[in-house]
Amino acid sequence: MARGARRDHPSGPSQRVLRVGELIRHALADMLTRGEIHDPTLEGHMITVPEVRMSPDLRVATAYVMPLGGRDVKTVVAALERNKKFLRGEIAHRVNLKFAPEIRFRADERFDEAERIEKLLRTPAVQRDLGPRKDGDERK
C-alpha cells in the first residue's frame, strides 16, 4: 500500500481519532468544572463527560454527558446544545486541530444500562442459577 494511503480498520477508531476525542473530552470537562459556560441550567449541575467519540475525519465530535445523580438529563443536554457554538470556539482555541469539529451532545446511557444489568443479576432466578450447586461445588 502506498505511503499515506488510507486503510479502513474494522478493529475500530485510529489512535489519532481516540486521542483527539480525549483532548476534546478534557477541554469540555475543564470548561464545565470551571463554570465557563454561562447558562443558568448548567450552573446548577455538576456534569460528567465520560466519553467523546470523533468521526473518522475529525469533523464531528459526539460528547456523551451525564449530570451528577442523573437528574434533569434532557434539560442539561438541551442547555449544552444551546451553547455549542461557544463551546466549539473554545475547543478550537484549546485543541490544535485543522478544523474545529461540530459538537453534538447525547445523554450517556451506560449508567442506566449498568443499573439494569445489576437489577437483573439480583433477581431470584439469576441468583438461583449463580448459587452453589446441591452437591456443594461452586459453579464456574
N, C-alpha and C. Protein backbone atom coordinates (compact mmCIF):
# COMPACT_ATOMS: atom_id res chain seq x y z
N MET A 1 0.85 -1.16 0.00
CA MET A 1 0.00 0.00 0.00
C MET A 1 0.90 1.23 0.00
N ALA A 2 0.53 2.26 -0.76
CA ALA A 2 1.34 3.46 -0.89
C ALA A 2 1.37 4.24 0.43
N ARG A 3 2.46 4.93 0.62
CA ARG A 3 2.59 5.73 1.84
C ARG A 3 1.51 6.81 1.86
N GLY A 4 0.85 6.94 2.99
CA GLY A 4 -0.20 7.93 3.12
C GLY A 4 -1.56 7.44 2.64
N ALA A 5 -1.61 6.22 2.08
CA ALA A 5 -2.89 5.69 1.61
C ALA A 5 -3.77 5.37 2.81
N ARG A 6 -5.05 5.50 2.61
CA ARG A 6 -5.99 5.25 3.71
C ARG A 6 -6.39 3.80 3.73
N ARG A 7 -6.50 3.26 4.93
CA ARG A 7 -7.00 1.91 5.12
C ARG A 7 -8.12 1.96 6.11
N ASP A 8 -9.13 1.18 5.86
CA ASP A 8 -10.22 1.08 6.83
C ASP A 8 -9.90 -0.06 7.77
N HIS A 9 -9.93 0.26 9.07
CA HIS A 9 -9.63 -0.75 10.08
C HIS A 9 -10.94 -1.22 10.71
N PRO A 10 -11.28 -2.48 10.53
CA PRO A 10 -12.50 -2.98 11.16
C PRO A 10 -12.37 -3.05 12.68
N SER A 11 -11.15 -2.93 13.19
CA SER A 11 -10.94 -3.07 14.62
C SER A 11 -11.36 -1.83 15.42
N GLY A 12 -11.69 -0.73 14.76
CA GLY A 12 -12.16 0.44 15.48
C GLY A 12 -11.42 1.70 15.08
N PRO A 13 -11.63 2.77 15.85
CA PRO A 13 -11.04 4.06 15.51
C PRO A 13 -9.52 4.05 15.64
N SER A 14 -8.88 4.94 14.88
CA SER A 14 -7.43 5.05 14.93
C SER A 14 -6.98 5.69 16.24
N GLN A 15 -5.70 5.59 16.52
CA GLN A 15 -5.15 6.20 17.73
C GLN A 15 -5.34 7.71 17.70
N ARG A 16 -5.22 8.32 16.53
CA ARG A 16 -5.39 9.77 16.40
C ARG A 16 -6.83 10.17 16.74
N VAL A 17 -7.79 9.43 16.22
CA VAL A 17 -9.20 9.73 16.49
C VAL A 17 -9.48 9.60 17.98
N LEU A 18 -8.96 8.56 18.61
CA LEU A 18 -9.14 8.38 20.05
C LEU A 18 -8.48 9.50 20.84
N ARG A 19 -7.27 9.88 20.44
CA ARG A 19 -6.53 10.93 21.14
C ARG A 19 -7.25 12.27 21.05
N VAL A 20 -7.74 12.62 19.85
CA VAL A 20 -8.46 13.89 19.68
C VAL A 20 -9.75 13.88 20.50
N GLY A 21 -10.47 12.77 20.51
CA GLY A 21 -11.67 12.66 21.33
C GLY A 21 -11.37 12.89 22.80
N GLU A 22 -10.26 12.34 23.26
CA GLU A 22 -9.89 12.50 24.66
C GLU A 22 -9.49 13.96 24.96
N LEU A 23 -8.80 14.60 24.04
CA LEU A 23 -8.43 16.02 24.22
C LEU A 23 -9.68 16.89 24.31
N ILE A 24 -10.65 16.62 23.45
CA ILE A 24 -11.89 17.39 23.47
C ILE A 24 -12.67 17.11 24.75
N ARG A 25 -12.68 15.85 25.18
CA ARG A 25 -13.36 15.49 26.43
C ARG A 25 -12.77 16.28 27.60
N HIS A 26 -11.45 16.33 27.66
CA HIS A 26 -10.78 17.07 28.74
C HIS A 26 -11.12 18.56 28.67
N ALA A 27 -11.13 19.13 27.46
CA ALA A 27 -11.44 20.56 27.31
C ALA A 27 -12.88 20.84 27.78
N LEU A 28 -13.83 20.00 27.37
CA LEU A 28 -15.22 20.18 27.79
C LEU A 28 -15.36 20.04 29.30
N ALA A 29 -14.77 19.00 29.85
CA ALA A 29 -14.86 18.77 31.30
C ALA A 29 -14.26 19.94 32.07
N ASP A 30 -13.14 20.47 31.58
CA ASP A 30 -12.49 21.60 32.22
C ASP A 30 -13.39 22.84 32.20
N MET A 31 -14.02 23.11 31.06
CA MET A 31 -14.92 24.27 30.96
C MET A 31 -16.12 24.11 31.89
N LEU A 32 -16.67 22.90 31.96
CA LEU A 32 -17.81 22.65 32.84
C LEU A 32 -17.43 22.77 34.31
N THR A 33 -16.26 22.25 34.66
CA THR A 33 -15.80 22.30 36.04
C THR A 33 -15.55 23.74 36.49
N ARG A 34 -14.99 24.53 35.61
CA ARG A 34 -14.66 25.92 35.95
C ARG A 34 -15.86 26.86 35.84
N GLY A 35 -16.99 26.37 35.34
CA GLY A 35 -18.17 27.21 35.20
C GLY A 35 -18.03 28.25 34.11
N GLU A 36 -17.29 27.93 33.05
CA GLU A 36 -17.04 28.88 31.97
C GLU A 36 -18.21 29.02 31.00
N ILE A 37 -19.20 28.16 31.12
CA ILE A 37 -20.37 28.23 30.25
C ILE A 37 -21.46 28.92 31.07
N HIS A 38 -21.80 30.13 30.67
CA HIS A 38 -22.75 30.93 31.45
C HIS A 38 -24.17 30.63 31.01
N ASP A 39 -24.73 29.63 31.66
CA ASP A 39 -26.10 29.22 31.40
C ASP A 39 -26.68 28.80 32.74
N PRO A 40 -27.84 29.37 33.12
CA PRO A 40 -28.41 29.04 34.44
C PRO A 40 -28.66 27.55 34.64
N THR A 41 -29.05 26.84 33.60
CA THR A 41 -29.31 25.41 33.73
C THR A 41 -28.02 24.67 34.07
N LEU A 42 -26.94 25.02 33.39
CA LEU A 42 -25.67 24.32 33.60
C LEU A 42 -25.02 24.70 34.93
N GLU A 43 -25.24 25.94 35.37
CA GLU A 43 -24.63 26.39 36.62
C GLU A 43 -25.18 25.64 37.82
N GLY A 44 -26.37 25.07 37.69
CA GLY A 44 -26.97 24.34 38.81
C GLY A 44 -26.67 22.85 38.81
N HIS A 45 -25.77 22.40 37.93
CA HIS A 45 -25.48 20.97 37.82
C HIS A 45 -23.98 20.69 37.76
N MET A 46 -23.60 19.58 38.34
CA MET A 46 -22.27 19.01 38.12
C MET A 46 -22.44 18.02 36.98
N ILE A 47 -21.65 18.17 35.93
CA ILE A 47 -21.83 17.36 34.73
C ILE A 47 -20.55 16.60 34.43
N THR A 48 -20.69 15.30 34.22
CA THR A 48 -19.54 14.49 33.81
C THR A 48 -19.58 14.28 32.31
N VAL A 49 -18.39 14.16 31.73
CA VAL A 49 -18.25 13.88 30.30
C VAL A 49 -17.43 12.60 30.20
N PRO A 50 -18.09 11.43 30.26
CA PRO A 50 -17.33 10.18 30.27
C PRO A 50 -16.68 9.83 28.93
N GLU A 51 -17.21 10.36 27.83
CA GLU A 51 -16.66 9.98 26.53
C GLU A 51 -17.00 11.01 25.47
N VAL A 52 -16.05 11.21 24.55
CA VAL A 52 -16.30 11.97 23.32
C VAL A 52 -15.85 11.09 22.17
N ARG A 53 -16.78 10.80 21.27
CA ARG A 53 -16.46 9.98 20.09
C ARG A 53 -16.32 10.89 18.88
N MET A 54 -15.25 10.71 18.17
CA MET A 54 -14.97 11.51 16.98
C MET A 54 -15.32 10.73 15.72
N SER A 55 -15.76 11.46 14.70
CA SER A 55 -15.94 10.83 13.39
C SER A 55 -14.54 10.58 12.83
N PRO A 56 -14.39 9.63 11.90
CA PRO A 56 -13.06 9.32 11.36
C PRO A 56 -12.35 10.52 10.73
N ASP A 57 -13.12 11.47 10.18
CA ASP A 57 -12.49 12.66 9.57
C ASP A 57 -12.28 13.80 10.57
N LEU A 58 -12.60 13.56 11.85
CA LEU A 58 -12.42 14.50 12.96
C LEU A 58 -13.27 15.76 12.83
N ARG A 59 -14.33 15.72 12.04
CA ARG A 59 -15.17 16.90 11.85
C ARG A 59 -16.40 16.92 12.74
N VAL A 60 -16.74 15.78 13.36
CA VAL A 60 -17.89 15.71 14.25
C VAL A 60 -17.46 15.05 15.56
N ALA A 61 -17.77 15.72 16.66
CA ALA A 61 -17.49 15.19 17.99
C ALA A 61 -18.83 14.97 18.69
N THR A 62 -19.07 13.73 19.11
CA THR A 62 -20.29 13.43 19.87
C THR A 62 -19.88 13.26 21.33
N ALA A 63 -20.33 14.20 22.15
CA ALA A 63 -19.98 14.19 23.57
C ALA A 63 -21.11 13.55 24.36
N TYR A 64 -20.78 12.53 25.12
CA TYR A 64 -21.74 11.87 26.00
C TYR A 64 -21.61 12.49 27.38
N VAL A 65 -22.71 12.98 27.91
CA VAL A 65 -22.70 13.72 29.17
C VAL A 65 -23.74 13.15 30.12
N MET A 66 -23.50 13.37 31.42
CA MET A 66 -24.46 12.94 32.44
C MET A 66 -24.34 13.86 33.64
N PRO A 67 -25.47 14.50 34.01
CA PRO A 67 -25.45 15.29 35.24
C PRO A 67 -25.34 14.37 36.45
N LEU A 68 -24.67 14.86 37.48
CA LEU A 68 -24.50 14.09 38.70
C LEU A 68 -25.86 13.69 39.25
N GLY A 69 -26.02 12.44 39.55
CA GLY A 69 -27.29 11.94 40.06
C GLY A 69 -28.28 11.61 38.96
N GLY A 70 -27.94 11.92 37.71
CA GLY A 70 -28.80 11.59 36.59
C GLY A 70 -30.08 12.41 36.51
N ARG A 71 -30.14 13.54 37.23
CA ARG A 71 -31.37 14.33 37.19
C ARG A 71 -31.30 15.41 36.10
N ASP A 72 -32.45 15.74 35.53
CA ASP A 72 -32.57 16.80 34.52
C ASP A 72 -31.70 16.54 33.28
N VAL A 73 -31.58 15.30 32.88
CA VAL A 73 -30.70 14.96 31.76
C VAL A 73 -31.10 15.72 30.49
N LYS A 74 -32.39 15.70 30.16
CA LYS A 74 -32.83 16.34 28.92
C LYS A 74 -32.59 17.85 28.94
N THR A 75 -32.84 18.49 30.07
CA THR A 75 -32.63 19.94 30.12
C THR A 75 -31.14 20.29 30.06
N VAL A 76 -30.29 19.46 30.65
CA VAL A 76 -28.85 19.70 30.59
C VAL A 76 -28.34 19.53 29.17
N VAL A 77 -28.77 18.47 28.48
CA VAL A 77 -28.35 18.26 27.10
C VAL A 77 -28.85 19.41 26.23
N ALA A 78 -30.07 19.86 26.45
CA ALA A 78 -30.61 20.99 25.68
C ALA A 78 -29.79 22.26 25.94
N ALA A 79 -29.38 22.49 27.18
CA ALA A 79 -28.57 23.67 27.51
C ALA A 79 -27.20 23.60 26.83
N LEU A 80 -26.61 22.43 26.81
CA LEU A 80 -25.32 22.27 26.12
C LEU A 80 -25.48 22.50 24.62
N GLU A 81 -26.57 21.99 24.05
CA GLU A 81 -26.85 22.23 22.62
C GLU A 81 -26.99 23.72 22.34
N ARG A 82 -27.64 24.45 23.24
CA ARG A 82 -27.80 25.91 23.06
C ARG A 82 -26.46 26.62 23.05
N ASN A 83 -25.50 26.08 23.78
CA ASN A 83 -24.20 26.73 23.93
C ASN A 83 -23.11 26.12 23.06
N LYS A 84 -23.48 25.29 22.09
CA LYS A 84 -22.44 24.57 21.35
C LYS A 84 -21.61 25.46 20.44
N LYS A 85 -22.13 26.59 20.01
CA LYS A 85 -21.32 27.50 19.19
C LYS A 85 -20.17 28.06 20.03
N PHE A 86 -20.48 28.49 21.25
CA PHE A 86 -19.45 28.96 22.17
C PHE A 86 -18.44 27.85 22.46
N LEU A 87 -18.94 26.66 22.75
CA LEU A 87 -18.08 25.53 23.08
C LEU A 87 -17.16 25.16 21.92
N ARG A 88 -17.70 25.20 20.71
CA ARG A 88 -16.89 24.88 19.53
C ARG A 88 -15.73 25.88 19.40
N GLY A 89 -16.02 27.16 19.61
CA GLY A 89 -14.97 28.17 19.54
C GLY A 89 -13.91 27.97 20.60
N GLU A 90 -14.34 27.66 21.81
CA GLU A 90 -13.40 27.43 22.90
C GLU A 90 -12.53 26.20 22.64
N ILE A 91 -13.15 25.15 22.12
CA ILE A 91 -12.39 23.93 21.81
C ILE A 91 -11.36 24.22 20.73
N ALA A 92 -11.74 25.04 19.74
CA ALA A 92 -10.81 25.40 18.68
C ALA A 92 -9.56 26.08 19.25
N HIS A 93 -9.73 26.88 20.32
CA HIS A 93 -8.59 27.55 20.94
C HIS A 93 -7.75 26.59 21.78
N ARG A 94 -8.39 25.62 22.40
CA ARG A 94 -7.70 24.74 23.34
C ARG A 94 -7.08 23.51 22.70
N VAL A 95 -7.69 23.03 21.61
CA VAL A 95 -7.21 21.81 20.96
C VAL A 95 -6.74 22.19 19.56
N ASN A 96 -5.50 21.93 19.27
CA ASN A 96 -4.92 22.34 18.00
C ASN A 96 -5.33 21.39 16.87
N LEU A 97 -6.39 21.78 16.14
CA LEU A 97 -6.88 20.98 15.02
C LEU A 97 -7.01 21.86 13.79
N LYS A 98 -6.96 21.24 12.64
CA LYS A 98 -7.13 21.98 11.39
C LYS A 98 -8.53 22.59 11.32
N PHE A 99 -9.53 21.82 11.74
CA PHE A 99 -10.92 22.28 11.75
C PHE A 99 -11.49 22.09 13.15
N ALA A 100 -12.26 23.05 13.62
CA ALA A 100 -12.99 22.86 14.88
C ALA A 100 -14.17 21.95 14.57
N PRO A 101 -14.30 20.84 15.28
CA PRO A 101 -15.38 19.90 14.96
C PRO A 101 -16.75 20.43 15.37
N GLU A 102 -17.76 19.98 14.64
CA GLU A 102 -19.14 20.20 15.05
C GLU A 102 -19.34 19.35 16.30
N ILE A 103 -20.04 19.90 17.28
CA ILE A 103 -20.23 19.16 18.54
C ILE A 103 -21.69 18.78 18.69
N ARG A 104 -21.90 17.53 19.04
CA ARG A 104 -23.24 17.02 19.34
C ARG A 104 -23.22 16.48 20.75
N PHE A 105 -24.30 16.71 21.46
CA PHE A 105 -24.38 16.23 22.84
C PHE A 105 -25.44 15.14 22.94
N ARG A 106 -25.11 14.10 23.67
CA ARG A 106 -26.02 12.98 23.90
C ARG A 106 -25.93 12.60 25.37
N ALA A 107 -27.04 12.11 25.90
CA ALA A 107 -27.03 11.59 27.27
C ALA A 107 -26.28 10.27 27.29
N ASP A 108 -25.43 10.11 28.27
CA ASP A 108 -24.69 8.86 28.42
C ASP A 108 -25.59 7.85 29.12
N GLU A 109 -25.99 6.84 28.41
CA GLU A 109 -26.94 5.86 28.95
C GLU A 109 -26.26 4.63 29.52
N ARG A 110 -24.94 4.64 29.59
CA ARG A 110 -24.24 3.47 30.12
C ARG A 110 -24.58 3.23 31.58
N PHE A 111 -24.81 4.32 32.35
CA PHE A 111 -25.14 4.16 33.76
C PHE A 111 -26.48 3.45 33.90
N ASP A 112 -27.46 3.83 33.06
CA ASP A 112 -28.77 3.18 33.09
C ASP A 112 -28.64 1.71 32.73
N GLU A 113 -27.85 1.43 31.72
CA GLU A 113 -27.66 0.04 31.28
C GLU A 113 -26.98 -0.78 32.38
N ALA A 114 -25.99 -0.22 33.03
CA ALA A 114 -25.30 -0.92 34.13
C ALA A 114 -26.27 -1.20 35.27
N GLU A 115 -27.13 -0.23 35.57
CA GLU A 115 -28.12 -0.43 36.65
C GLU A 115 -29.12 -1.51 36.27
N ARG A 116 -29.54 -1.53 35.01
CA ARG A 116 -30.48 -2.55 34.54
C ARG A 116 -29.85 -3.95 34.67
N ILE A 117 -28.60 -4.08 34.29
CA ILE A 117 -27.91 -5.37 34.39
C ILE A 117 -27.75 -5.78 35.86
N GLU A 118 -27.42 -4.81 36.70
CA GLU A 118 -27.28 -5.09 38.13
C GLU A 118 -28.59 -5.61 38.73
N LYS A 119 -29.70 -4.99 38.34
CA LYS A 119 -31.01 -5.45 38.83
C LYS A 119 -31.30 -6.86 38.35
N LEU A 120 -30.97 -7.14 37.09
CA LEU A 120 -31.17 -8.49 36.56
C LEU A 120 -30.36 -9.52 37.35
N LEU A 121 -29.13 -9.17 37.66
CA LEU A 121 -28.27 -10.10 38.40
C LEU A 121 -28.79 -10.37 39.81
N ARG A 122 -29.56 -9.45 40.36
CA ARG A 122 -30.10 -9.63 41.71
C ARG A 122 -31.45 -10.35 41.73
N THR A 123 -32.03 -10.66 40.57
CA THR A 123 -33.32 -11.34 40.56
C THR A 123 -33.18 -12.75 41.11
N PRO A 124 -34.23 -13.28 41.72
CA PRO A 124 -34.16 -14.63 42.32
C PRO A 124 -33.76 -15.71 41.31
N ALA A 125 -34.26 -15.60 40.08
CA ALA A 125 -33.95 -16.64 39.08
C ALA A 125 -32.45 -16.67 38.77
N VAL A 126 -31.85 -15.51 38.62
CA VAL A 126 -30.42 -15.45 38.32
C VAL A 126 -29.62 -15.86 39.54
N GLN A 127 -30.03 -15.43 40.72
CA GLN A 127 -29.33 -15.81 41.94
C GLN A 127 -29.37 -17.33 42.13
N ARG A 128 -30.50 -17.93 41.81
CA ARG A 128 -30.62 -19.39 41.90
C ARG A 128 -29.63 -20.05 40.95
N ASP A 129 -29.54 -19.52 39.72
CA ASP A 129 -28.63 -20.11 38.73
C ASP A 129 -27.16 -19.89 39.09
N LEU A 130 -26.88 -18.79 39.78
CA LEU A 130 -25.50 -18.49 40.13
C LEU A 130 -25.08 -19.09 41.47
N GLY A 131 -26.03 -19.52 42.25
CA GLY A 131 -25.74 -20.04 43.59
C GLY A 131 -25.01 -21.36 43.56
N PRO A 132 -24.62 -21.86 44.76
CA PRO A 132 -23.91 -23.14 44.84
C PRO A 132 -24.81 -24.30 44.42
N ARG A 133 -24.18 -25.30 43.83
CA ARG A 133 -24.93 -26.49 43.42
C ARG A 133 -25.25 -27.33 44.65
N LYS A 134 -26.21 -28.23 44.48
CA LYS A 134 -26.64 -29.07 45.61
C LYS A 134 -25.54 -29.96 46.14
N ASP A 135 -24.58 -30.34 45.28
CA ASP A 135 -23.53 -31.22 45.75
C ASP A 135 -22.41 -30.43 46.45
N GLY A 136 -22.62 -29.11 46.61
CA GLY A 136 -21.66 -28.30 47.38
C GLY A 136 -20.58 -27.65 46.54
N ASP A 137 -20.41 -28.07 45.28
CA ASP A 137 -19.39 -27.46 44.43
C ASP A 137 -19.89 -26.11 43.91
N GLU A 138 -19.01 -25.13 43.89
CA GLU A 138 -19.36 -23.82 43.32
C GLU A 138 -19.37 -23.93 41.80
N ARG A 139 -20.26 -23.20 41.18
CA ARG A 139 -20.30 -23.15 39.72
C ARG A 139 -19.17 -22.23 39.24
N LYS A 140 -18.66 -22.56 38.06
CA LYS A 140 -17.58 -21.74 37.48
C LYS A 140 -18.05 -21.10 36.20
